[in-house]
Amino acid sequence: MTCTCIETVNEQLATRNTRLTLPIVFGRKPGEPERLMIVTEQIETGRGKAKALGMFASHCPFCGVAYGESAA
């Protein structure tokens, strides 16, 4: 069995007219699970300042299972 937390959480959030945002990822292999993107924000803005980076979770933040492994 694989992790179905994204679907489960979206079902629960639907009652509040809310859902998780999933990024579009080019080059993802067929059958590879979708990963949540952790949204970040830039601290300092302006010319020459480094831009904020997005981070992808390697484990489900809800059940802790590594993406690509089976849930217990």
N, C-alpha and C. Protein backbone atom coordinates (compact mmCIF):
# COMPACT_ATOMS: atom_id res chain seq x y z
N MET A 1 0.84 -1.18 0.00
CA MET A 1 0.00 0.00 0.00
C MET A 1 0.89 1.25 0.00
N THR A 2 0.56 2.22 -0.79
CA THR A 2 1.33 3.45 -0.83
C THR A 2 0.64 4.53 0.00
N CYS A 3 1.36 5.59 0.26
CA CYS A 3 0.84 6.71 1.05
C CYS A 3 -0.27 7.41 0.27
N THR A 4 -1.42 7.59 0.88
CA THR A 4 -2.54 8.30 0.26
C THR A 4 -2.91 9.55 1.07
N CYS A 5 -1.95 10.06 1.81
CA CYS A 5 -2.22 11.19 2.69
C CYS A 5 -2.66 12.44 1.94
N ILE A 6 -2.08 12.71 0.76
CA ILE A 6 -2.46 13.90 0.02
C ILE A 6 -3.94 13.86 -0.31
N GLU A 7 -4.43 12.73 -0.79
CA GLU A 7 -5.85 12.59 -1.11
C GLU A 7 -6.71 12.70 0.15
N THR A 8 -6.28 12.05 1.22
CA THR A 8 -7.03 12.07 2.48
C THR A 8 -7.12 13.48 3.05
N VAL A 9 -6.00 14.19 3.08
CA VAL A 9 -5.98 15.56 3.61
C VAL A 9 -6.83 16.47 2.73
N ASN A 10 -6.74 16.31 1.40
CA ASN A 10 -7.57 17.14 0.51
C ASN A 10 -9.06 16.90 0.75
N GLU A 11 -9.45 15.67 1.02
CA GLU A 11 -10.85 15.38 1.33
C GLU A 11 -11.29 16.11 2.60
N GLN A 12 -10.42 16.11 3.61
CA GLN A 12 -10.75 16.78 4.86
C GLN A 12 -10.76 18.30 4.69
N LEU A 13 -9.84 18.84 3.90
CA LEU A 13 -9.77 20.28 3.68
C LEU A 13 -10.91 20.79 2.81
N ALA A 14 -11.50 19.92 1.99
CA ALA A 14 -12.57 20.32 1.08
C ALA A 14 -13.75 20.91 1.84
N THR A 15 -13.98 20.47 3.06
CA THR A 15 -15.09 21.02 3.85
C THR A 15 -14.85 22.48 4.19
N ARG A 16 -13.59 22.94 4.08
CA ARG A 16 -13.24 24.33 4.36
C ARG A 16 -12.86 25.06 3.06
N ASN A 17 -13.25 24.48 1.90
CA ASN A 17 -12.98 25.07 0.60
C ASN A 17 -11.48 25.31 0.40
N THR A 18 -10.68 24.32 0.77
CA THR A 18 -9.23 24.42 0.74
C THR A 18 -8.65 23.11 0.20
N ARG A 19 -7.47 23.19 -0.42
CA ARG A 19 -6.75 21.98 -0.84
C ARG A 19 -5.26 22.28 -0.85
N LEU A 20 -4.46 21.22 -0.80
CA LEU A 20 -3.01 21.33 -0.87
C LEU A 20 -2.63 21.71 -2.30
N THR A 21 -1.56 22.48 -2.44
CA THR A 21 -1.06 22.85 -3.75
C THR A 21 0.05 21.89 -4.13
N LEU A 22 -0.08 21.27 -5.29
CA LEU A 22 0.95 20.37 -5.79
C LEU A 22 1.64 21.02 -6.98
N PRO A 23 2.97 21.00 -7.00
CA PRO A 23 3.69 21.64 -8.09
C PRO A 23 3.64 20.80 -9.36
N ILE A 24 3.82 21.46 -10.49
CA ILE A 24 3.99 20.74 -11.76
C ILE A 24 5.47 20.42 -11.86
N VAL A 25 5.79 19.14 -12.02
CA VAL A 25 7.19 18.72 -12.10
C VAL A 25 7.40 18.04 -13.44
N PHE A 26 8.25 18.62 -14.25
CA PHE A 26 8.58 18.03 -15.54
C PHE A 26 9.68 16.99 -15.36
N GLY A 27 9.57 15.89 -16.07
CA GLY A 27 10.58 14.85 -15.98
C GLY A 27 10.32 13.81 -14.91
N ARG A 28 9.14 13.89 -14.26
CA ARG A 28 8.80 12.88 -13.25
C ARG A 28 8.54 11.56 -13.94
N LYS A 29 9.06 10.50 -13.39
CA LYS A 29 8.90 9.17 -13.98
C LYS A 29 7.47 8.67 -13.79
N PRO A 30 6.95 7.91 -14.76
CA PRO A 30 5.60 7.35 -14.62
C PRO A 30 5.50 6.49 -13.36
N GLY A 31 4.44 6.69 -12.61
CA GLY A 31 4.23 5.92 -11.38
C GLY A 31 4.91 6.51 -10.16
N GLU A 32 5.78 7.49 -10.35
CA GLU A 32 6.45 8.14 -9.23
C GLU A 32 5.42 8.98 -8.46
N PRO A 33 5.39 8.88 -7.14
CA PRO A 33 4.37 9.60 -6.37
C PRO A 33 4.57 11.12 -6.43
N GLU A 34 3.46 11.84 -6.31
CA GLU A 34 3.56 13.29 -6.23
C GLU A 34 4.14 13.67 -4.88
N ARG A 35 4.95 14.71 -4.87
CA ARG A 35 5.56 15.19 -3.63
C ARG A 35 5.06 16.59 -3.32
N LEU A 36 4.89 16.86 -2.07
CA LEU A 36 4.50 18.20 -1.66
C LEU A 36 5.70 19.14 -1.76
N MET A 37 5.43 20.35 -2.17
CA MET A 37 6.46 21.37 -2.21
C MET A 37 6.28 22.26 -0.99
N ILE A 38 7.38 22.52 -0.30
CA ILE A 38 7.34 23.39 0.86
C ILE A 38 7.62 24.80 0.35
N VAL A 39 6.65 25.67 0.51
CA VAL A 39 6.76 27.03 0.01
C VAL A 39 7.64 27.85 0.95
N THR A 40 8.56 28.60 0.36
CA THR A 40 9.44 29.46 1.14
C THR A 40 9.26 30.90 0.69
N GLU A 41 9.82 31.82 1.41
CA GLU A 41 9.75 33.22 0.98
C GLU A 41 11.12 33.86 1.11
N GLN A 42 11.35 34.85 0.28
CA GLN A 42 12.60 35.57 0.26
C GLN A 42 12.64 36.54 1.44
N ILE A 43 13.74 36.56 2.18
CA ILE A 43 13.86 37.43 3.35
C ILE A 43 14.19 38.85 2.92
N GLU A 44 15.26 39.00 2.18
CA GLU A 44 15.67 40.32 1.72
C GLU A 44 15.46 40.41 0.21
N THR A 45 14.89 41.49 -0.25
CA THR A 45 14.68 41.68 -1.67
C THR A 45 15.61 42.76 -2.20
N GLY A 46 15.74 42.79 -3.49
CA GLY A 46 16.56 43.82 -4.10
C GLY A 46 17.59 43.23 -5.04
N ARG A 47 18.20 44.10 -5.77
CA ARG A 47 19.20 43.71 -6.76
C ARG A 47 20.37 43.00 -6.10
N GLY A 48 20.74 41.85 -6.64
CA GLY A 48 21.87 41.10 -6.14
C GLY A 48 21.56 40.16 -4.99
N LYS A 49 20.34 40.17 -4.48
CA LYS A 49 19.97 39.27 -3.38
C LYS A 49 19.57 37.91 -3.95
N ALA A 50 19.94 36.86 -3.27
CA ALA A 50 19.59 35.51 -3.72
C ALA A 50 18.07 35.33 -3.68
N LYS A 51 17.54 34.62 -4.66
CA LYS A 51 16.10 34.37 -4.73
C LYS A 51 15.74 33.20 -3.81
N ALA A 52 14.51 33.20 -3.34
CA ALA A 52 14.02 32.11 -2.48
C ALA A 52 13.96 30.81 -3.29
N LEU A 53 14.21 29.72 -2.64
CA LEU A 53 14.15 28.40 -3.26
C LEU A 53 12.94 27.65 -2.76
N GLY A 54 12.34 26.83 -3.61
CA GLY A 54 11.30 25.91 -3.18
C GLY A 54 11.94 24.62 -2.72
N MET A 55 11.35 23.97 -1.77
CA MET A 55 11.89 22.70 -1.27
C MET A 55 10.85 21.61 -1.46
N PHE A 56 11.30 20.42 -1.84
CA PHE A 56 10.42 19.28 -2.00
C PHE A 56 10.64 18.32 -0.86
N ALA A 57 9.55 17.88 -0.25
CA ALA A 57 9.63 16.92 0.85
C ALA A 57 10.08 15.57 0.32
N SER A 58 10.97 14.90 1.03
CA SER A 58 11.40 13.55 0.65
C SER A 58 10.57 12.50 1.39
N HIS A 59 9.87 12.93 2.44
CA HIS A 59 8.99 12.06 3.22
C HIS A 59 7.63 12.74 3.35
N CYS A 60 6.59 11.96 3.45
CA CYS A 60 5.25 12.51 3.64
C CYS A 60 5.23 13.25 4.98
N PRO A 61 4.82 14.53 5.00
CA PRO A 61 4.80 15.26 6.26
C PRO A 61 3.67 14.81 7.20
N PHE A 62 2.76 13.99 6.70
CA PHE A 62 1.61 13.55 7.52
C PHE A 62 1.83 12.19 8.16
N CYS A 63 2.44 11.23 7.42
CA CYS A 63 2.63 9.89 8.00
C CYS A 63 4.10 9.51 8.15
N GLY A 64 5.01 10.28 7.54
CA GLY A 64 6.44 10.04 7.70
C GLY A 64 7.04 9.03 6.75
N VAL A 65 6.24 8.43 5.87
CA VAL A 65 6.76 7.42 4.94
C VAL A 65 7.58 8.13 3.85
N ALA A 66 8.74 7.59 3.54
CA ALA A 66 9.57 8.14 2.47
C ALA A 66 8.83 7.97 1.16
N TYR A 67 8.81 9.02 0.35
CA TYR A 67 8.15 8.92 -0.96
C TYR A 67 8.82 7.83 -1.76
N GLY A 68 8.03 6.96 -2.35
CA GLY A 68 8.54 5.83 -3.09
C GLY A 68 8.56 4.54 -2.29
N GLU A 69 8.33 4.61 -0.98
CA GLU A 69 8.24 3.42 -0.14
C GLU A 69 6.79 3.11 0.17
N SER A 70 6.53 1.96 0.73
CA SER A 70 5.17 1.57 1.08
C SER A 70 4.82 2.05 2.47
N ALA A 71 3.57 2.45 2.66
CA ALA A 71 3.08 2.85 3.99
C ALA A 71 2.76 1.60 4.79
N ALA A 72 2.91 1.68 6.09
CA ALA A 72 2.63 0.53 6.96
C ALA A 72 1.17 0.46 7.31
